[in-house]
Amino acid sequence: MARHPPSGRVNITELLTNLQARHDAATTQAGELRDLLGTLTADPALNVTRSRLGRLTRQGFLTQPGRGRYQKRT
């Protein structure tokens, strides 16, 4: 699992890479990322995760191959 910086900030791209390595999957869902983070368990936290993934997709860091699926841009 990824080490998280002392500031509590998490690098989503790093999390996606680690998740892909662990599960041999090309894509992930917001809920899987939330579970990987381990600290976010409430439903609103899932919406925050989805919002962040959407922002990263719009900024070009991630792609969205299907509804609710995200992957690191290659």
PDB file of N, CA and C in Angstrom:
ATOM      1  N   MET A   1       0.842  -1.178   0.000  1.00  0.00           N
ATOM      2  CA  MET A   1       0.000   0.000   0.000  1.00  0.00           C
ATOM      3  C   MET A   1       0.885   1.237   0.000  1.00  0.00           C
ATOM      4  N   ALA A   2       0.370   2.288  -0.591  1.00  0.00           N
ATOM      5  CA  ALA A   2       1.132   3.524  -0.710  1.00  0.00           C
ATOM      6  C   ALA A   2       1.339   4.172   0.643  1.00  0.00           C
ATOM      7  N   ARG A   3       2.477   4.812   0.772  1.00  0.00           N
ATOM      8  CA  ARG A   3       2.713   5.628   1.961  1.00  0.00           C
ATOM      9  C   ARG A   3       2.070   6.974   1.724  1.00  0.00           C
ATOM     10  N   HIS A   4       1.416   7.477   2.746  1.00  0.00           N
ATOM     11  CA  HIS A   4       0.755   8.762   2.620  1.00  0.00           C
ATOM     12  C   HIS A   4       1.617   9.836   3.250  1.00  0.00           C
ATOM     13  N   PRO A   5       1.748  10.975   2.587  1.00  0.00           N
ATOM     14  CA  PRO A   5       2.558  12.059   3.126  1.00  0.00           C
ATOM     15  C   PRO A   5       2.044  12.503   4.490  1.00  0.00           C
ATOM     16  N   PRO A   6       2.924  13.058   5.322  1.00  0.00           N
ATOM     17  CA  PRO A   6       2.531  13.503   6.655  1.00  0.00           C
ATOM     18  C   PRO A   6       1.397  14.518   6.641  1.00  0.00           C
ATOM     19  N   SER A   7       1.259  15.265   5.573  1.00  0.00           N
ATOM     20  CA  SER A   7       0.214  16.282   5.503  1.00  0.00           C
ATOM     21  C   SER A   7      -1.177  15.675   5.427  1.00  0.00           C
ATOM     22  N   GLY A   8      -1.269  14.369   5.176  1.00  0.00           N
ATOM     23  CA  GLY A   8      -2.563  13.726   5.040  1.00  0.00           C
ATOM     24  C   GLY A   8      -3.078  13.755   3.607  1.00  0.00           C
ATOM     25  N   ARG A   9      -2.356  14.404   2.723  1.00  0.00           N
ATOM     26  CA  ARG A   9      -2.755  14.456   1.315  1.00  0.00           C
ATOM     27  C   ARG A   9      -2.378  13.145   0.639  1.00  0.00           C
ATOM     28  N   VAL A  10      -3.187  12.751  -0.309  1.00  0.00           N
ATOM     29  CA  VAL A  10      -2.983  11.482  -0.990  1.00  0.00           C
ATOM     30  C   VAL A  10      -2.847  11.736  -2.484  1.00  0.00           C
ATOM     31  N   ASN A  11      -1.875  11.104  -3.104  1.00  0.00           N
ATOM     32  CA  ASN A  11      -1.675  11.195  -4.535  1.00  0.00           C
ATOM     33  C   ASN A  11      -2.579  10.157  -5.194  1.00  0.00           C
ATOM     34  N   ILE A  12      -3.658  10.594  -5.843  1.00  0.00           N
ATOM     35  CA  ILE A  12      -4.638   9.687  -6.435  1.00  0.00           C
ATOM     36  C   ILE A  12      -4.002   8.835  -7.529  1.00  0.00           C
ATOM     37  N   THR A  13      -3.116   9.415  -8.334  1.00  0.00           N
ATOM     38  CA  THR A  13      -2.462   8.641  -9.384  1.00  0.00           C
ATOM     39  C   THR A  13      -1.648   7.512  -8.783  1.00  0.00           C
ATOM     40  N   GLU A  14      -0.957   7.788  -7.685  1.00  0.00           N
ATOM     41  CA  GLU A  14      -0.185   6.759  -6.989  1.00  0.00           C
ATOM     42  C   GLU A  14      -1.112   5.668  -6.454  1.00  0.00           C
ATOM     43  N   LEU A  15      -2.252   6.062  -5.909  1.00  0.00           N
ATOM     44  CA  LEU A  15      -3.216   5.074  -5.417  1.00  0.00           C
ATOM     45  C   LEU A  15      -3.730   4.194  -6.546  1.00  0.00           C
ATOM     46  N   LEU A  16      -4.025   4.797  -7.704  1.00  0.00           N
ATOM     47  CA  LEU A  16      -4.492   4.014  -8.847  1.00  0.00           C
ATOM     48  C   LEU A  16      -3.434   3.016  -9.294  1.00  0.00           C
ATOM     49  N   THR A  17      -2.189   3.461  -9.336  1.00  0.00           N
ATOM     50  CA  THR A  17      -1.099   2.579  -9.730  1.00  0.00           C
ATOM     51  C   THR A  17      -0.972   1.414  -8.765  1.00  0.00           C
ATOM     52  N   ASN A  18      -1.032   1.691  -7.470  1.00  0.00           N
ATOM     53  CA  ASN A  18      -0.941   0.630  -6.470  1.00  0.00           C
ATOM     54  C   ASN A  18      -2.126  -0.314  -6.553  1.00  0.00           C
ATOM     55  N   LEU A  19      -3.306   0.223  -6.790  1.00  0.00           N
ATOM     56  CA  LEU A  19      -4.497  -0.613  -6.893  1.00  0.00           C
ATOM     57  C   LEU A  19      -4.400  -1.524  -8.109  1.00  0.00           C
ATOM     58  N   GLN A  20      -3.909  -0.986  -9.227  1.00  0.00           N
ATOM     59  CA  GLN A  20      -3.739  -1.802 -10.424  1.00  0.00           C
ATOM     60  C   GLN A  20      -2.748  -2.929 -10.169  1.00  0.00           C
ATOM     61  N   ALA A  21      -1.662  -2.631  -9.497  1.00  0.00           N
ATOM     62  CA  ALA A  21      -0.647  -3.645  -9.218  1.00  0.00           C
ATOM     63  C   ALA A  21      -1.196  -4.741  -8.313  1.00  0.00           C
ATOM     64  N   ARG A  22      -1.999  -4.367  -7.332  1.00  0.00           N
ATOM     65  CA  ARG A  22      -2.535  -5.345  -6.380  1.00  0.00           C
ATOM     66  C   ARG A  22      -3.625  -6.207  -6.975  1.00  0.00           C
ATOM     67  N   HIS A  23      -4.467  -5.623  -7.808  1.00  0.00           N
ATOM     68  CA  HIS A  23      -5.637  -6.344  -8.303  1.00  0.00           C
ATOM     69  C   HIS A  23      -5.540  -6.709  -9.772  1.00  0.00           C
ATOM     70  N   ASP A  24      -4.438  -6.358 -10.416  1.00  0.00           N
ATOM     71  CA  ASP A  24      -4.246  -6.648 -11.832  1.00  0.00           C
ATOM     72  C   ASP A  24      -5.454  -6.191 -12.650  1.00  0.00           C
ATOM     73  N   ALA A  25      -5.966  -5.032 -12.316  1.00  0.00           N
ATOM     74  CA  ALA A  25      -7.120  -4.489 -13.029  1.00  0.00           C
ATOM     75  C   ALA A  25      -6.710  -3.225 -13.771  1.00  0.00           C
ATOM     76  N   ALA A  26      -7.321  -3.014 -14.908  1.00  0.00           N
ATOM     77  CA  ALA A  26      -6.984  -1.832 -15.694  1.00  0.00           C
ATOM     78  C   ALA A  26      -7.706  -0.592 -15.190  1.00  0.00           C
ATOM     79  N   THR A  27      -8.858  -0.788 -14.554  1.00  0.00           N
ATOM     80  CA  THR A  27      -9.639   0.351 -14.089  1.00  0.00           C
ATOM     81  C   THR A  27     -10.043   0.144 -12.641  1.00  0.00           C
ATOM     82  N   THR A  28     -10.519   1.216 -12.028  1.00  0.00           N
ATOM     83  CA  THR A  28     -10.991   1.144 -10.651  1.00  0.00           C
ATOM     84  C   THR A  28     -12.214   2.034 -10.499  1.00  0.00           C
ATOM     85  N   GLN A  29     -12.958   1.845  -9.437  1.00  0.00           N
ATOM     86  CA  GLN A  29     -14.123   2.670  -9.146  1.00  0.00           C
ATOM     87  C   GLN A  29     -13.829   3.525  -7.923  1.00  0.00           C
ATOM     88  N   ALA A  30     -14.614   4.570  -7.756  1.00  0.00           N
ATOM     89  CA  ALA A  30     -14.414   5.484  -6.633  1.00  0.00           C
ATOM     90  C   ALA A  30     -14.497   4.744  -5.300  1.00  0.00           C
ATOM     91  N   GLY A  31     -15.418   3.810  -5.164  1.00  0.00           N
ATOM     92  CA  GLY A  31     -15.566   3.054  -3.916  1.00  0.00           C
ATOM     93  C   GLY A  31     -14.337   2.231  -3.591  1.00  0.00           C
ATOM     94  N   GLU A  32     -13.691   1.675  -4.628  1.00  0.00           N
ATOM     95  CA  GLU A  32     -12.473   0.902  -4.402  1.00  0.00           C
ATOM     96  C   GLU A  32     -11.352   1.807  -3.903  1.00  0.00           C
ATOM     97  N   LEU A  33     -11.269   3.002  -4.466  1.00  0.00           N
ATOM     98  CA  LEU A  33     -10.257   3.953  -3.996  1.00  0.00           C
ATOM     99  C   LEU A  33     -10.535   4.372  -2.566  1.00  0.00           C
ATOM    100  N   ARG A  34     -11.804   4.627  -2.263  1.00  0.00           N
ATOM    101  CA  ARG A  34     -12.174   5.014  -0.900  1.00  0.00           C
ATOM    102  C   ARG A  34     -11.777   3.918   0.071  1.00  0.00           C
ATOM    103  N   ASP A  35     -12.036   2.659  -0.289  1.00  0.00           N
ATOM    104  CA  ASP A  35     -11.665   1.543   0.575  1.00  0.00           C
ATOM    105  C   ASP A  35     -10.152   1.442   0.725  1.00  0.00           C
ATOM    106  N   LEU A  36      -9.427   1.709  -0.351  1.00  0.00           N
ATOM    107  CA  LEU A  36      -7.969   1.674  -0.290  1.00  0.00           C
ATOM    108  C   LEU A  36      -7.447   2.758   0.644  1.00  0.00           C
ATOM    109  N   LEU A  37      -8.085   3.921   0.624  1.00  0.00           N
ATOM    110  CA  LEU A  37      -7.683   4.994   1.533  1.00  0.00           C
ATOM    111  C   LEU A  37      -7.901   4.592   2.983  1.00  0.00           C
ATOM    112  N   GLY A  38      -8.982   3.852   3.237  1.00  0.00           N
ATOM    113  CA  GLY A  38      -9.233   3.336   4.574  1.00  0.00           C
ATOM    114  C   GLY A  38      -9.751   4.346   5.576  1.00  0.00           C
ATOM    115  N   THR A  39      -9.538   5.612   5.339  1.00  0.00           N
ATOM    116  CA  THR A  39      -9.965   6.615   6.315  1.00  0.00           C
ATOM    117  C   THR A  39     -11.316   7.211   5.964  1.00  0.00           C
ATOM    118  N   LEU A  40     -11.753   7.036   4.743  1.00  0.00           N
ATOM    119  CA  LEU A  40     -13.011   7.611   4.302  1.00  0.00           C
ATOM    120  C   LEU A  40     -14.052   6.502   4.207  1.00  0.00           C
ATOM    121  N   THR A  41     -15.025   6.514   5.089  1.00  0.00           N
ATOM    122  CA  THR A  41     -15.999   5.433   5.086  1.00  0.00           C
ATOM    123  C   THR A  41     -17.435   5.905   4.933  1.00  0.00           C
ATOM    124  N   ALA A  42     -17.708   7.155   5.144  1.00  0.00           N
ATOM    125  CA  ALA A  42     -19.077   7.658   5.065  1.00  0.00           C
ATOM    126  C   ALA A  42     -19.482   7.881   3.608  1.00  0.00           C
ATOM    127  N   ASP A  43     -20.776   7.817   3.329  1.00  0.00           N
ATOM    128  CA  ASP A  43     -21.270   8.034   1.973  1.00  0.00           C
ATOM    129  C   ASP A  43     -20.835   9.374   1.391  1.00  0.00           C
ATOM    130  N   PRO A  44     -20.883  10.481   2.162  1.00  0.00           N
ATOM    131  CA  PRO A  44     -20.402  11.742   1.594  1.00  0.00           C
ATOM    132  C   PRO A  44     -18.942  11.657   1.139  1.00  0.00           C
ATOM    133  N   ALA A  45     -18.150  10.844   1.820  1.00  0.00           N
ATOM    134  CA  ALA A  45     -16.747  10.705   1.432  1.00  0.00           C
ATOM    135  C   ALA A  45     -16.636  10.070   0.048  1.00  0.00           C
ATOM    136  N   LEU A  46     -17.551   9.178  -0.284  1.00  0.00           N
ATOM    137  CA  LEU A  46     -17.543   8.573  -1.614  1.00  0.00           C
ATOM    138  C   LEU A  46     -17.813   9.644  -2.666  1.00  0.00           C
ATOM    139  N   ASN A  47     -18.719  10.559  -2.379  1.00  0.00           N
ATOM    140  CA  ASN A  47     -18.996  11.646  -3.317  1.00  0.00           C
ATOM    141  C   ASN A  47     -17.799  12.571  -3.470  1.00  0.00           C
ATOM    142  N   VAL A  48     -17.071  12.794  -2.392  1.00  0.00           N
ATOM    143  CA  VAL A  48     -15.850  13.599  -2.459  1.00  0.00           C
ATOM    144  C   VAL A  48     -14.833  12.900  -3.350  1.00  0.00           C
ATOM    145  N   THR A  49     -14.692  11.582  -3.185  1.00  0.00           N
ATOM    146  CA  THR A  49     -13.752  10.813  -4.003  1.00  0.00           C
ATOM    147  C   THR A  49     -14.157  10.880  -5.470  1.00  0.00           C
ATOM    148  N   ARG A  50     -15.435  10.720  -5.755  1.00  0.00           N
ATOM    149  CA  ARG A  50     -15.922  10.805  -7.140  1.00  0.00           C
ATOM    150  C   ARG A  50     -15.645  12.187  -7.724  1.00  0.00           C
ATOM    151  N   SER A  51     -15.857  13.212  -6.923  1.00  0.00           N
ATOM    152  CA  SER A  51     -15.611  14.576  -7.378  1.00  0.00           C
ATOM    153  C   SER A  51     -14.141  14.780  -7.732  1.00  0.00           C
ATOM    154  N   ARG A  52     -13.271  14.278  -6.888  1.00  0.00           N
ATOM    155  CA  ARG A  52     -11.829  14.414  -7.145  1.00  0.00           C
ATOM    156  C   ARG A  52     -11.417  13.643  -8.385  1.00  0.00           C
ATOM    157  N   LEU A  53     -11.965  12.440  -8.553  1.00  0.00           N
ATOM    158  CA  LEU A  53     -11.653  11.650  -9.742  1.00  0.00           C
ATOM    159  C   LEU A  53     -12.153  12.361 -10.998  1.00  0.00           C
ATOM    160  N   GLY A  54     -13.334  12.976 -10.921  1.00  0.00           N
ATOM    161  CA  GLY A  54     -13.860  13.732 -12.051  1.00  0.00           C
ATOM    162  C   GLY A  54     -12.967  14.907 -12.407  1.00  0.00           C
ATOM    163  N   ARG A  55     -12.478  15.594 -11.390  1.00  0.00           N
ATOM    164  CA  ARG A  55     -11.575  16.722 -11.623  1.00  0.00           C
ATOM    165  C   ARG A  55     -10.278  16.248 -12.279  1.00  0.00           C
ATOM    166  N   LEU A  56      -9.716  15.141 -11.797  1.00  0.00           N
ATOM    167  CA  LEU A  56      -8.489  14.603 -12.386  1.00  0.00           C
ATOM    168  C   LEU A  56      -8.720  14.153 -13.824  1.00  0.00           C
ATOM    169  N   THR A  57      -9.920  13.661 -14.115  1.00  0.00           N
ATOM    170  CA  THR A  57     -10.262  13.265 -15.483  1.00  0.00           C
ATOM    171  C   THR A  57     -10.321  14.500 -16.379  1.00  0.00           C
ATOM    172  N   ARG A  58     -10.986  15.552 -15.917  1.00  0.00           N
ATOM    173  CA  ARG A  58     -11.074  16.790 -16.701  1.00  0.00           C
ATOM    174  C   ARG A  58      -9.705  17.428 -16.911  1.00  0.00           C
ATOM    175  N   GLN A  59      -8.808  17.276 -15.946  1.00  0.00           N
ATOM    176  CA  GLN A  59      -7.465  17.854 -16.057  1.00  0.00           C
ATOM    177  C   GLN A  59      -6.543  16.996 -16.919  1.00  0.00           C
ATOM    178  N   GLY A  60      -6.993  15.794 -17.283  1.00  0.00           N
ATOM    179  CA  GLY A  60      -6.212  14.952 -18.179  1.00  0.00           C
ATOM    180  C   GLY A  60      -5.302  13.946 -17.500  1.00  0.00           C
ATOM    181  N   PHE A  61      -5.367  13.816 -16.178  1.00  0.00           N
ATOM    182  CA  PHE A  61      -4.525  12.854 -15.478  1.00  0.00           C
ATOM    183  C   PHE A  61      -5.088  11.437 -15.554  1.00  0.00           C
ATOM    184  N   LEU A  62      -6.418  11.326 -15.664  1.00  0.00           N
ATOM    185  CA  LEU A  62      -7.092  10.034 -15.715  1.00  0.00           C
ATOM    186  C   LEU A  62      -7.967   9.972 -16.955  1.00  0.00           C
ATOM    187  N   THR A  63      -8.346   8.755 -17.349  1.00  0.00           N
ATOM    188  CA  THR A  63      -9.355   8.574 -18.379  1.00  0.00           C
ATOM    189  C   THR A  63     -10.518   7.829 -17.753  1.00  0.00           C
ATOM    190  N   GLN A  64     -11.657   7.910 -18.410  1.00  0.00           N
ATOM    191  CA  GLN A  64     -12.848   7.240 -17.900  1.00  0.00           C
ATOM    192  C   GLN A  64     -13.377   6.328 -19.007  1.00  0.00           C
ATOM    193  N   PRO A  65     -12.921   5.058 -19.023  1.00  0.00           N
ATOM    194  CA  PRO A  65     -13.304   4.143 -20.096  1.00  0.00           C
ATOM    195  C   PRO A  65     -14.762   3.690 -20.041  1.00  0.00           C
ATOM    196  N   GLY A  66     -15.410   3.877 -18.930  1.00  0.00           N
ATOM    197  CA  GLY A  66     -16.815   3.496 -18.779  1.00  0.00           C
ATOM    198  C   GLY A  66     -17.408   4.246 -17.608  1.00  0.00           C
ATOM    199  N   ARG A  67     -18.718   4.170 -17.486  1.00  0.00           N
ATOM    200  CA  ARG A  67     -19.383   4.882 -16.396  1.00  0.00           C
ATOM    201  C   ARG A  67     -18.882   4.387 -15.044  1.00  0.00           C
ATOM    202  N   GLY A  68     -18.394   5.315 -14.232  1.00  0.00           N
ATOM    203  CA  GLY A  68     -17.931   4.977 -12.890  1.00  0.00           C
ATOM    204  C   GLY A  68     -16.586   4.286 -12.840  1.00  0.00           C
ATOM    205  N   ARG A  69     -15.894   4.171 -13.966  1.00  0.00           N
ATOM    206  CA  ARG A  69     -14.584   3.518 -14.012  1.00  0.00           C
ATOM    207  C   ARG A  69     -13.533   4.566 -14.343  1.00  0.00           C
ATOM    208  N   TYR A  70     -12.376   4.457 -13.710  1.00  0.00           N
ATOM    209  CA  TYR A  70     -11.295   5.408 -13.934  1.00  0.00           C
ATOM    210  C   TYR A  70      -9.995   4.650 -14.112  1.00  0.00           C
ATOM    211  N   GLN A  71      -9.112   5.202 -14.943  1.00  0.00           N
ATOM    212  CA  GLN A  71      -7.790   4.612 -15.076  1.00  0.00           C
ATOM    213  C   GLN A  71      -6.770   5.709 -15.321  1.00  0.00           C
ATOM    214  N   LYS A  72      -5.544   5.394 -15.004  1.00  0.00           N
ATOM    215  CA  LYS A  72      -4.444   6.330 -15.199  1.00  0.00           C
ATOM    216  C   LYS A  72      -4.223   6.517 -16.697  1.00  0.00           C
ATOM    217  N   ARG A  73      -4.071   7.757 -17.120  1.00  0.00           N
ATOM    218  CA  ARG A  73      -3.816   8.026 -18.542  1.00  0.00           C
ATOM    219  C   ARG A  73      -2.444   7.468 -18.900  1.00  0.00           C
ATOM    220  N   THR A  74      -2.391   6.762 -20.023  1.00  0.00           N
ATOM    221  CA  THR A  74      -1.112   6.160 -20.444  1.00  0.00           C
ATOM    222  C   THR A  74      -0.515   6.907 -21.594  1.00  0.00           C
TER     223      THR A  74
END
